Amino acid sequence: MKLRGSVEDVREEASPFPFLTRRRIVFKGYPSAIAHFDERWNKTISALSIGDVISVVGKIKYVSTNHIKLHRCEIVEVGTDGEADQATSPQNFVRYRVRKWTE
């Protein structure tokens, strides 16, 4: 799935192995959207700033009415200005999925 949005936070995930520091990006907005990356993306992610608009592609790990979690993500585009694309924003994705599940 492709997801585009503004970076709200970048966090490190705890790992029992010191050489396997993984990161996750939290997107701005409600519902929450989190993209998990493996260690090969650490350098690219560390260069991001809060508010950068990025597009990621990843596999859906979890979806609910207020949460999207992607894993095995890759960054496909980085920008710093403008709003997130509404077609692929976390908010519109969840609204669409919930509407489809309840019909």
Protein backbone atom coordinates (compact mmCIF):
# COMPACT_ATOMS: atom_id res chain seq x y z
CA MET A 1 0.00 0.00 0.00
CA LYS A 2 1.17 3.52 -0.74
CA LEU A 3 0.72 6.16 1.95
CA ARG A 4 1.54 9.87 1.77
CA GLY A 5 1.55 12.29 4.68
CA SER A 6 3.44 14.71 6.91
CA VAL A 7 6.01 13.36 9.36
CA GLU A 8 4.94 13.97 12.94
CA ASP A 9 7.59 11.91 14.73
CA VAL A 10 10.43 9.47 14.11
CA ARG A 11 11.04 6.84 16.77
CA GLU A 12 13.55 4.09 17.33
CA GLU A 13 12.28 0.62 18.11
CA ALA A 14 13.91 -1.39 20.85
CA SER A 15 15.83 -4.43 19.69
CA PRO A 16 17.61 -7.12 21.67
CA PHE A 17 20.49 -6.76 19.20
CA PRO A 18 22.38 -3.42 19.35
CA PHE A 19 23.21 -3.50 15.63
CA LEU A 20 19.53 -3.83 14.63
CA THR A 21 18.11 -0.41 15.39
CA ARG A 22 14.88 -0.05 13.49
CA ARG A 23 12.87 3.12 13.03
CA ARG A 24 9.27 3.98 12.61
CA ILE A 25 7.65 7.12 11.27
CA VAL A 26 4.43 8.44 12.76
CA PHE A 27 2.33 10.45 10.32
CA LYS A 28 0.48 13.62 11.36
CA GLY A 29 -3.28 13.43 11.67
CA TYR A 30 -6.04 11.22 12.88
CA PRO A 31 -6.31 8.28 12.56
CA SER A 32 -2.76 7.44 13.42
CA ALA A 33 -0.57 5.94 10.74
CA ILE A 34 2.77 4.33 11.48
CA ALA A 35 5.32 3.05 8.97
CA HIS A 36 7.99 0.59 10.15
CA PHE A 37 11.37 0.39 8.39
CA ASP A 38 14.28 -2.01 8.65
CA GLU A 39 17.79 -0.84 9.47
CA ARG A 40 18.85 -0.12 5.88
CA TRP A 41 16.60 2.97 5.96
CA ASN A 42 18.09 4.47 9.15
CA LYS A 43 20.35 6.97 7.36
CA THR A 44 17.57 8.22 5.08
CA ILE A 45 15.08 8.51 7.93
CA SER A 46 17.53 10.37 10.16
CA ALA A 47 17.72 13.10 7.48
CA LEU A 48 13.95 13.73 7.64
CA SER A 49 12.46 16.67 9.52
CA ILE A 50 9.14 17.04 11.26
CA GLY A 51 6.63 18.29 8.69
CA ASP A 52 8.33 16.73 5.66
CA VAL A 53 5.77 15.24 3.31
CA ILE A 54 6.78 11.72 2.32
CA SER A 55 5.34 8.81 0.39
CA VAL A 56 6.00 5.28 1.57
CA VAL A 57 5.13 1.86 0.22
CA GLY A 58 4.69 -1.02 2.63
CA LYS A 59 2.69 -4.07 3.56
CA ILE A 60 -0.38 -3.64 5.71
CA LYS A 61 0.21 -5.15 9.13
CA TYR A 62 -2.86 -3.77 10.91
CA VAL A 63 -5.88 -1.59 10.10
CA SER A 64 -8.66 -0.39 12.38
CA THR A 65 -10.99 2.60 12.44
CA ASN A 66 -8.33 4.74 14.12
CA HIS A 67 -4.99 3.13 13.27
CA ILE A 68 -2.96 1.99 10.26
CA LYS A 69 0.31 0.12 10.66
CA LEU A 70 2.56 -0.68 7.70
CA HIS A 71 5.72 -2.77 7.85
CA ARG A 72 8.61 -3.51 5.47
CA CYS A 73 8.26 0.06 4.24
CA GLU A 74 10.33 1.92 1.69
CA ILE A 75 10.38 5.67 1.12
CA VAL A 76 9.50 6.46 -2.49
CA GLU A 77 9.24 10.27 -2.37
CA VAL A 78 10.25 13.11 -0.05
CA GLY A 79 9.02 16.71 -0.15
CA THR A 80 8.99 19.57 2.33
CA ASP A 81 6.08 21.76 1.33
CA GLY A 82 2.38 21.44 0.66
CA GLU A 83 -0.25 19.29 2.24
CA ALA A 84 -0.35 15.53 2.10
CA ASP A 85 -2.09 14.10 -0.93
CA GLN A 86 -5.72 13.59 0.11
CA ALA A 87 -6.19 10.52 -2.06
CA THR A 88 -3.67 8.48 -0.09
CA SER A 89 -3.84 10.20 3.30
CA PRO A 90 -4.38 7.95 6.33
CA GLN A 91 -7.68 9.69 7.10
CA ASN A 92 -9.21 9.01 3.69
CA PHE A 93 -7.92 5.44 3.56
CA VAL A 94 -9.60 4.50 6.84
CA ARG A 95 -12.84 6.29 5.97
CA TYR A 96 -12.99 4.34 2.71
CA ARG A 97 -12.20 0.97 4.36
CA VAL A 98 -14.71 1.45 7.19
CA ARG A 99 -17.41 2.47 4.76
CA LYS A 100 -16.73 -0.63 2.62
CA TRP A 101 -16.75 -2.98 5.64
CA THR A 102 -20.04 -1.61 6.98
CA GLU A 103 -21.96 -1.69 3.69
